[in-house]
PDB file of N, CA and C in Angstrom:
ATOM      1  N   MET A   1     -20.510  10.070   1.726  1.00  0.00           N
ATOM      2  CA  MET A   1     -20.299   8.743   2.293  1.00  0.00           C
ATOM      3  C   MET A   1     -18.797   8.527   2.554  1.00  0.00           C
ATOM      4  N   ALA A   2     -18.492   7.932   3.671  1.00  0.00           N
ATOM      5  CA  ALA A   2     -17.096   7.740   4.070  1.00  0.00           C
ATOM      6  C   ALA A   2     -16.417   6.651   3.244  1.00  0.00           C
ATOM      7  N   ARG A   3     -15.167   6.898   2.915  1.00  0.00           N
ATOM      8  CA  ARG A   3     -14.410   5.914   2.146  1.00  0.00           C
ATOM      9  C   ARG A   3     -13.919   4.769   3.027  1.00  0.00           C
ATOM     10  N   TYR A   4     -13.456   5.131   4.225  1.00  0.00           N
ATOM     11  CA  TYR A   4     -12.904   4.140   5.139  1.00  0.00           C
ATOM     12  C   TYR A   4     -13.800   4.017   6.365  1.00  0.00           C
ATOM     13  N   SER A   5     -13.890   2.807   6.898  1.00  0.00           N
ATOM     14  CA  SER A   5     -14.659   2.621   8.127  1.00  0.00           C
ATOM     15  C   SER A   5     -13.828   3.116   9.312  1.00  0.00           C
ATOM     16  N   ARG A   6     -14.496   3.394  10.416  1.00  0.00           N
ATOM     17  CA  ARG A   6     -13.802   3.882  11.610  1.00  0.00           C
ATOM     18  C   ARG A   6     -12.832   2.827  12.139  1.00  0.00           C
ATOM     19  N   SER A   7     -13.239   1.573  12.041  1.00  0.00           N
ATOM     20  CA  SER A   7     -12.373   0.493  12.542  1.00  0.00           C
ATOM     21  C   SER A   7     -11.134   0.321  11.666  1.00  0.00           C
ATOM     22  N   ALA A   8     -11.239   0.669  10.370  1.00  0.00           N
ATOM     23  CA  ALA A   8     -10.061   0.619   9.489  1.00  0.00           C
ATOM     24  C   ALA A   8      -9.064   1.690   9.903  1.00  0.00           C
ATOM     25  N   GLY A   9      -9.590   2.838  10.310  1.00  0.00           N
ATOM     26  CA  GLY A   9      -8.734   3.922  10.803  1.00  0.00           C
ATOM     27  C   GLY A   9      -7.999   3.519  12.064  1.00  0.00           C
ATOM     28  N   LYS A  10      -8.674   2.732  12.896  1.00  0.00           N
ATOM     29  CA  LYS A  10      -8.040   2.244  14.131  1.00  0.00           C
ATOM     30  C   LYS A  10      -6.902   1.278  13.812  1.00  0.00           C
ATOM     31  N   ASP A  11      -7.079   0.466  12.758  1.00  0.00           N
ATOM     32  CA  ASP A  11      -6.021  -0.457  12.340  1.00  0.00           C
ATOM     33  C   ASP A  11      -4.784   0.305  11.877  1.00  0.00           C
ATOM     34  N   VAL A  12      -5.010   1.408  11.156  1.00  0.00           N
ATOM     35  CA  VAL A  12      -3.903   2.243  10.687  1.00  0.00           C
ATOM     36  C   VAL A  12      -3.202   2.884  11.881  1.00  0.00           C
ATOM     37  N   LYS A  13      -4.003   3.356  12.823  1.00  0.00           N
ATOM     38  CA  LYS A  13      -3.454   3.985  14.030  1.00  0.00           C
ATOM     39  C   LYS A  13      -2.573   2.999  14.798  1.00  0.00           C
ATOM     40  N   ARG A  14      -3.037   1.758  14.879  1.00  0.00           N
ATOM     41  CA  ARG A  14      -2.295   0.706  15.571  1.00  0.00           C
ATOM     42  C   ARG A  14      -0.964   0.430  14.868  1.00  0.00           C
ATOM     43  N   ALA A  15      -1.001   0.435  13.522  1.00  0.00           N
ATOM     44  CA  ALA A  15       0.220   0.202  12.746  1.00  0.00           C
ATOM     45  C   ALA A  15       1.211   1.344  12.947  1.00  0.00           C
ATOM     46  N   MET A  16       0.697   2.570  13.048  1.00  0.00           N
ATOM     47  CA  MET A  16       1.559   3.734  13.270  1.00  0.00           C
ATOM     48  C   MET A  16       2.245   3.658  14.640  1.00  0.00           C
ATOM     49  N   LYS A  17       1.505   3.188  15.630  1.00  0.00           N
ATOM     50  CA  LYS A  17       2.084   3.044  16.971  1.00  0.00           C
ATOM     51  C   LYS A  17       3.188   1.991  16.963  1.00  0.00           C
ATOM     52  N   ARG A  18       2.936   0.874  16.225  1.00  0.00           N
ATOM     53  CA  ARG A  18       3.949  -0.179  16.135  1.00  0.00           C
ATOM     54  C   ARG A  18       5.195   0.325  15.424  1.00  0.00           C
ATOM     55  N   ARG A  19       5.003   1.210  14.430  1.00  0.00           N
ATOM     56  CA  ARG A  19       6.149   1.778  13.715  1.00  0.00           C
ATOM     57  C   ARG A  19       6.987   2.630  14.656  1.00  0.00           C
ATOM     58  N   LYS A  20       6.299   3.458  15.446  1.00  0.00           N
ATOM     59  CA  LYS A  20       7.014   4.348  16.367  1.00  0.00           C
ATOM     60  C   LYS A  20       7.808   3.577  17.408  1.00  0.00           C
ATOM     61  N   SER A  21       7.257   2.456  17.845  1.00  0.00           N
ATOM     62  CA  SER A  21       7.968   1.669  18.853  1.00  0.00           C
ATOM     63  C   SER A  21       9.001   0.738  18.222  1.00  0.00           C
ATOM     64  N   GLY A  22       9.050   0.701  16.879  1.00  0.00           N
ATOM     65  CA  GLY A  22      10.051  -0.120  16.181  1.00  0.00           C
ATOM     66  C   GLY A  22       9.674  -1.571  16.056  1.00  0.00           C
ATOM     67  N   LYS A  23       8.383  -1.879  16.187  1.00  0.00           N
ATOM     68  CA  LYS A  23       7.940  -3.273  16.128  1.00  0.00           C
ATOM     69  C   LYS A  23       7.271  -3.635  14.810  1.00  0.00           C
ATOM     70  N   LEU A  24       7.056  -2.640  13.936  1.00  0.00           N
ATOM     71  CA  LEU A  24       6.383  -2.896  12.659  1.00  0.00           C
ATOM     72  C   LEU A  24       7.396  -3.384  11.634  1.00  0.00           C
ATOM     73  N   LYS A  25       7.137  -4.576  11.083  1.00  0.00           N
ATOM     74  CA  LYS A  25       8.050  -5.187  10.111  1.00  0.00           C
ATOM     75  C   LYS A  25       7.391  -5.240   8.744  1.00  0.00           C
ATOM     76  N   SER A  26       8.209  -5.231   7.704  1.00  0.00           N
ATOM     77  CA  SER A  26       7.687  -5.328   6.340  1.00  0.00           C
ATOM     78  C   SER A  26       7.934  -6.721   5.792  1.00  0.00           C
ATOM     79  N   GLY A  27       7.243  -7.069   4.722  1.00  0.00           N
ATOM     80  CA  GLY A  27       7.437  -8.367   4.076  1.00  0.00           C
ATOM     81  C   GLY A  27       6.517  -9.432   4.626  1.00  0.00           C
ATOM     82  N   ARG A  28       6.497 -10.573   3.936  1.00  0.00           N
ATOM     83  CA  ARG A  28       5.609 -11.662   4.338  1.00  0.00           C
ATOM     84  C   ARG A  28       6.037 -12.265   5.663  1.00  0.00           C
ATOM     85  N   GLY A  29       5.094 -12.349   6.576  1.00  0.00           N
ATOM     86  CA  GLY A  29       5.380 -12.959   7.877  1.00  0.00           C
ATOM     87  C   GLY A  29       6.242 -12.075   8.758  1.00  0.00           C
ATOM     88  N   GLY A  30       6.421 -10.813   8.368  1.00  0.00           N
ATOM     89  CA  GLY A  30       7.230  -9.889   9.163  1.00  0.00           C
ATOM     90  C   GLY A  30       8.705 -10.231   9.181  1.00  0.00           C
ATOM     91  N   LYS A  31       9.171 -10.899   8.102  1.00  0.00           N
ATOM     92  CA  LYS A  31      10.576 -11.315   8.063  1.00  0.00           C
ATOM     93  C   LYS A  31      11.501 -10.238   7.500  1.00  0.00           C
ATOM     94  N   GLY A  32      10.894  -9.168   6.983  1.00  0.00           N
ATOM     95  CA  GLY A  32      11.701  -8.081   6.436  1.00  0.00           C
ATOM     96  C   GLY A  32      12.227  -7.177   7.538  1.00  0.00           C
ATOM     97  N   GLY A  33      12.782  -6.046   7.134  1.00  0.00           N
ATOM     98  CA  GLY A  33      13.326  -5.101   8.102  1.00  0.00           C
ATOM     99  C   GLY A  33      12.234  -4.286   8.764  1.00  0.00           C
ATOM    100  N   THR A  34      12.646  -3.458   9.717  1.00  0.00           N
ATOM    101  CA  THR A  34      11.674  -2.604  10.393  1.00  0.00           C
ATOM    102  C   THR A  34      11.265  -1.464   9.472  1.00  0.00           C
ATOM    103  N   VAL A  35      10.020  -1.060   9.585  1.00  0.00           N
ATOM    104  CA  VAL A  35       9.474  -0.009   8.732  1.00  0.00           C
ATOM    105  C   VAL A  35       9.859   1.349   9.303  1.00  0.00           C
ATOM    106  N   LYS A  36      10.440   2.194   8.457  1.00  0.00           N
ATOM    107  CA  LYS A  36      10.831   3.546   8.867  1.00  0.00           C
ATOM    108  C   LYS A  36       9.866   4.578   8.289  1.00  0.00           C
ATOM    109  N   SER A  37       9.338   4.295   7.100  1.00  0.00           N
ATOM    110  CA  SER A  37       8.501   5.242   6.378  1.00  0.00           C
ATOM    111  C   SER A  37       7.089   5.322   6.943  1.00  0.00           C
ATOM    112  N   ARG A  38       6.594   6.548   7.042  1.00  0.00           N
ATOM    113  CA  ARG A  38       5.236   6.800   7.523  1.00  0.00           C
ATOM    114  C   ARG A  38       4.215   6.264   6.521  1.00  0.00           C
ATOM    115  N   LYS A  39       4.467   6.504   5.237  1.00  0.00           N
ATOM    116  CA  LYS A  39       3.565   6.048   4.176  1.00  0.00           C
ATOM    117  C   LYS A  39       3.457   4.531   4.150  1.00  0.00           C
ATOM    118  N   GLN A  40       4.587   3.866   4.354  1.00  0.00           N
ATOM    119  CA  GLN A  40       4.590   2.405   4.342  1.00  0.00           C
ATOM    120  C   GLN A  40       3.788   1.857   5.528  1.00  0.00           C
ATOM    121  N   ALA A  41       3.882   2.531   6.673  1.00  0.00           N
ATOM    122  CA  ALA A  41       3.128   2.105   7.857  1.00  0.00           C
ATOM    123  C   ALA A  41       1.628   2.230   7.608  1.00  0.00           C
ATOM    124  N   ILE A  42       1.223   3.306   6.932  1.00  0.00           N
ATOM    125  CA  ILE A  42      -0.191   3.498   6.605  1.00  0.00           C
ATOM    126  C   ILE A  42      -0.662   2.407   5.654  1.00  0.00           C
ATOM    127  N   ALA A  43       0.165   2.102   4.652  1.00  0.00           N
ATOM    128  CA  ALA A  43      -0.175   1.056   3.676  1.00  0.00           C
ATOM    129  C   ALA A  43      -0.331  -0.303   4.351  1.00  0.00           C
ATOM    130  N   ILE A  44       0.531  -0.601   5.295  1.00  0.00           N
ATOM    131  CA  ILE A  44       0.459  -1.874   6.021  1.00  0.00           C
ATOM    132  C   ILE A  44      -0.820  -1.924   6.856  1.00  0.00           C
ATOM    133  N   GLY A  45      -1.145  -0.815   7.516  1.00  0.00           N
ATOM    134  CA  GLY A  45      -2.368  -0.742   8.319  1.00  0.00           C
ATOM    135  C   GLY A  45      -3.613  -0.950   7.480  1.00  0.00           C
ATOM    136  N   LEU A  46      -3.638  -0.345   6.280  1.00  0.00           N
ATOM    137  CA  LEU A  46      -4.785  -0.499   5.388  1.00  0.00           C
ATOM    138  C   LEU A  46      -4.899  -1.914   4.850  1.00  0.00           C
ATOM    139  N   SER A  47      -3.762  -2.531   4.533  1.00  0.00           N
ATOM    140  CA  SER A  47      -3.812  -3.903   4.017  1.00  0.00           C
ATOM    141  C   SER A  47      -4.275  -4.877   5.096  1.00  0.00           C
ATOM    142  N   GLU A  48      -3.893  -4.611   6.338  1.00  0.00           N
ATOM    143  CA  GLU A  48      -4.370  -5.449   7.450  1.00  0.00           C
ATOM    144  C   GLU A  48      -5.882  -5.307   7.620  1.00  0.00           C
ATOM    145  N   ALA A  49      -6.376  -4.079   7.452  1.00  0.00           N
ATOM    146  CA  ALA A  49      -7.814  -3.834   7.550  1.00  0.00           C
ATOM    147  C   ALA A  49      -8.553  -4.556   6.426  1.00  0.00           C
ATOM    148  N   ARG A  50      -7.965  -4.551   5.226  1.00  0.00           N
ATOM    149  CA  ARG A  50      -8.556  -5.252   4.077  1.00  0.00           C
ATOM    150  C   ARG A  50      -8.664  -6.747   4.346  1.00  0.00           C
ATOM    151  N   LYS A  51      -7.623  -7.313   4.926  1.00  0.00           N
ATOM    152  CA  LYS A  51      -7.620  -8.746   5.229  1.00  0.00           C
ATOM    153  C   LYS A  51      -8.711  -9.115   6.233  1.00  0.00           C
ATOM    154  N   LYS A  52      -9.018  -8.184   7.132  1.00  0.00           N
ATOM    155  CA  LYS A  52     -10.070  -8.418   8.124  1.00  0.00           C
ATOM    156  C   LYS A  52     -11.466  -8.185   7.544  1.00  0.00           C
ATOM    157  N   GLY A  53     -11.523  -7.686   6.310  1.00  0.00           N
ATOM    158  CA  GLY A  53     -12.806  -7.467   5.644  1.00  0.00           C
ATOM    159  C   GLY A  53     -13.474  -6.155   5.997  1.00  0.00           C
ATOM    160  N   LYS A  54     -12.694  -5.175   6.416  1.00  0.00           N
ATOM    161  CA  LYS A  54     -13.256  -3.871   6.766  1.00  0.00           C
ATOM    162  C   LYS A  54     -13.431  -3.013   5.519  1.00  0.00           C
ATOM    163  N   LYS A  55     -14.182  -1.931   5.682  1.00  0.00           N
ATOM    164  CA  LYS A  55     -14.496  -1.083   4.533  1.00  0.00           C
ATOM    165  C   LYS A  55     -13.293  -0.202   4.175  1.00  0.00           C
ATOM    166  N   VAL A  56     -12.571  -0.636   3.155  1.00  0.00           N
ATOM    167  CA  VAL A  56     -11.402   0.077   2.644  1.00  0.00           C
ATOM    168  C   VAL A  56     -11.452  -0.026   1.129  1.00  0.00           C
ATOM    169  N   PRO A  57     -11.179   1.062   0.394  1.00  0.00           N
ATOM    170  CA  PRO A  57     -11.186   0.967  -1.069  1.00  0.00           C
ATOM    171  C   PRO A  57     -10.125   0.000  -1.581  1.00  0.00           C
ATOM    172  N   LYS A  58     -10.345  -0.519  -2.786  1.00  0.00           N
ATOM    173  CA  LYS A  58      -9.397  -1.454  -3.381  1.00  0.00           C
ATOM    174  C   LYS A  58      -8.057  -0.781  -3.622  1.00  0.00           C
ATOM    175  N   ARG A  59      -7.010  -1.588  -3.633  1.00  0.00           N
ATOM    176  CA  ARG A  59      -5.669  -1.080  -3.898  1.00  0.00           C
ATOM    177  C   ARG A  59      -5.579  -0.525  -5.302  1.00  0.00           C
ATOM    178  N   LYS A  60      -4.887   0.577  -5.448  1.00  0.00           N
ATOM    179  CA  LYS A  60      -4.689   1.137  -6.786  1.00  0.00           C
ATOM    180  C   LYS A  60      -3.561   0.367  -7.448  1.00  0.00           C
ATOM    181  N   THR A  61      -3.823  -0.112  -8.659  1.00  0.00           N
ATOM    182  CA  THR A  61      -2.781  -0.827  -9.380  1.00  0.00           C
ATOM    183  C   THR A  61      -2.037   0.143 -10.275  1.00  0.00           C
ATOM    184  N   ALA A  62      -0.793  -0.130 -10.488  1.00  0.00           N
ATOM    185  CA  ALA A  62       0.027   0.744 -11.327  1.00  0.00           C
ATOM    186  C   ALA A  62      -0.451   0.658 -12.771  1.00  0.00           C
ATOM    187  N   LYS A  63      -0.595   1.802 -13.398  1.00  0.00           N
ATOM    188  CA  LYS A  63      -1.034   1.833 -14.793  1.00  0.00           C
ATOM    189  C   LYS A  63       0.165   1.559 -15.687  1.00  0.00           C
ATOM    190  N   ARG A  64      -0.046   0.673 -16.643  1.00  0.00           N
ATOM    191  CA  ARG A  64       1.035   0.347 -17.569  1.00  0.00           C
ATOM    192  C   ARG A  64       1.099   1.386 -18.668  1.00  0.00           C
ATOM    193  N   LYS A  65       2.300   1.789 -18.956  1.00  0.00           N
ATOM    194  CA  LYS A  65       2.480   2.712 -20.064  1.00  0.00           C
ATOM    195  C   LYS A  65       2.643   1.875 -21.319  1.00  0.00           C
ATOM    196  N   THR A  66       1.785   2.110 -22.280  1.00  0.00           N
ATOM    197  CA  THR A  66       1.876   1.333 -23.509  1.00  0.00           C
ATOM    198  C   THR A  66       2.990   1.904 -24.378  1.00  0.00           C
ATOM    199  N   ALA A  67       3.881   1.038 -24.728  1.00  0.00           N
ATOM    200  CA  ALA A  67       5.006   1.450 -25.565  1.00  0.00           C
ATOM    201  C   ALA A  67       4.527   1.581 -26.999  1.00  0.00           C
ATOM    202  N   ARG A  68       4.694   2.762 -27.540  1.00  0.00           N
ATOM    203  CA  ARG A  68       4.288   2.976 -28.925  1.00  0.00           C
ATOM    204  C   ARG A  68       5.368   2.458 -29.844  1.00  0.00           C
ATOM    205  N   LYS A  69       4.920   1.740 -30.848  1.00  0.00           N
ATOM    206  CA  LYS A  69       5.872   1.181 -31.791  1.00  0.00           C
ATOM    207  C   LYS A  69       6.323   2.270 -32.755  1.00  0.00           C
ATOM    208  N   LYS A  70       7.613   2.415 -32.855  1.00  0.00           N
ATOM    209  CA  LYS A  70       8.138   3.399 -33.787  1.00  0.00           C
ATOM    210  C   LYS A  70       8.394   2.701 -35.109  1.00  0.00           C
ATOM    211  N   THR A  71       7.684   3.133 -36.109  1.00  0.00           N
ATOM    212  CA  THR A  71       7.856   2.511 -37.422  1.00  0.00           C
ATOM    213  C   THR A  71       8.944   3.253 -38.175  1.00  0.00           C
ATOM    214  N   ALA A  72       9.831   2.480 -38.727  1.00  0.00           N
ATOM    215  CA  ALA A  72      10.939   3.070 -39.482  1.00  0.00           C
ATOM    216  C   ALA A  72      10.408   3.461 -40.873  1.00  0.00           C
ATOM    217  N   ARG A  73      10.578   4.718 -41.189  1.00  0.00           N
ATOM    218  CA  ARG A  73      10.131   5.191 -42.500  1.00  0.00           C
ATOM    219  C   ARG A  73      11.280   5.137 -43.473  1.00  0.00           C
ATOM    220  N   LYS A  74      10.957   4.668 -44.648  1.00  0.00           N
ATOM    221  CA  LYS A  74      11.985   4.567 -45.689  1.00  0.00           C
ATOM    222  C   LYS A  74      12.220   5.944 -46.307  1.00  0.00           C
ATOM    223  N   LYS A  75      13.494   6.279 -46.455  1.00  0.00           N
ATOM    224  CA  LYS A  75      13.831   7.545 -47.091  1.00  0.00           C
ATOM    225  C   LYS A  75      13.883   7.356 -48.603  1.00  0.00           C
ATOM    226  N   ARG A  76      13.280   8.291 -49.334  1.00  0.00           N
ATOM    227  CA  ARG A  76      13.292   8.160 -50.794  1.00  0.00           C
ATOM    228  C   ARG A  76      14.221   9.140 -51.412  1.00  0.00           C
TER     229      ARG A  76
END
């Protein structure tokens, strides 16, 4: 079974074209700088597809590293 819908792939393709022409912007409302990274363009295309309700897997969240508490041992 396919992970992404065909129309989601088209959204990514559209974002890649906008990146190449220098029209793809990052940040809310496109107020950030122009996107240079290929990976970032793909991420933007996928997030746009998600907003439209297309079949795209959920975003992977960063796993938190649990800080282990170091217990101080008393020297005898």
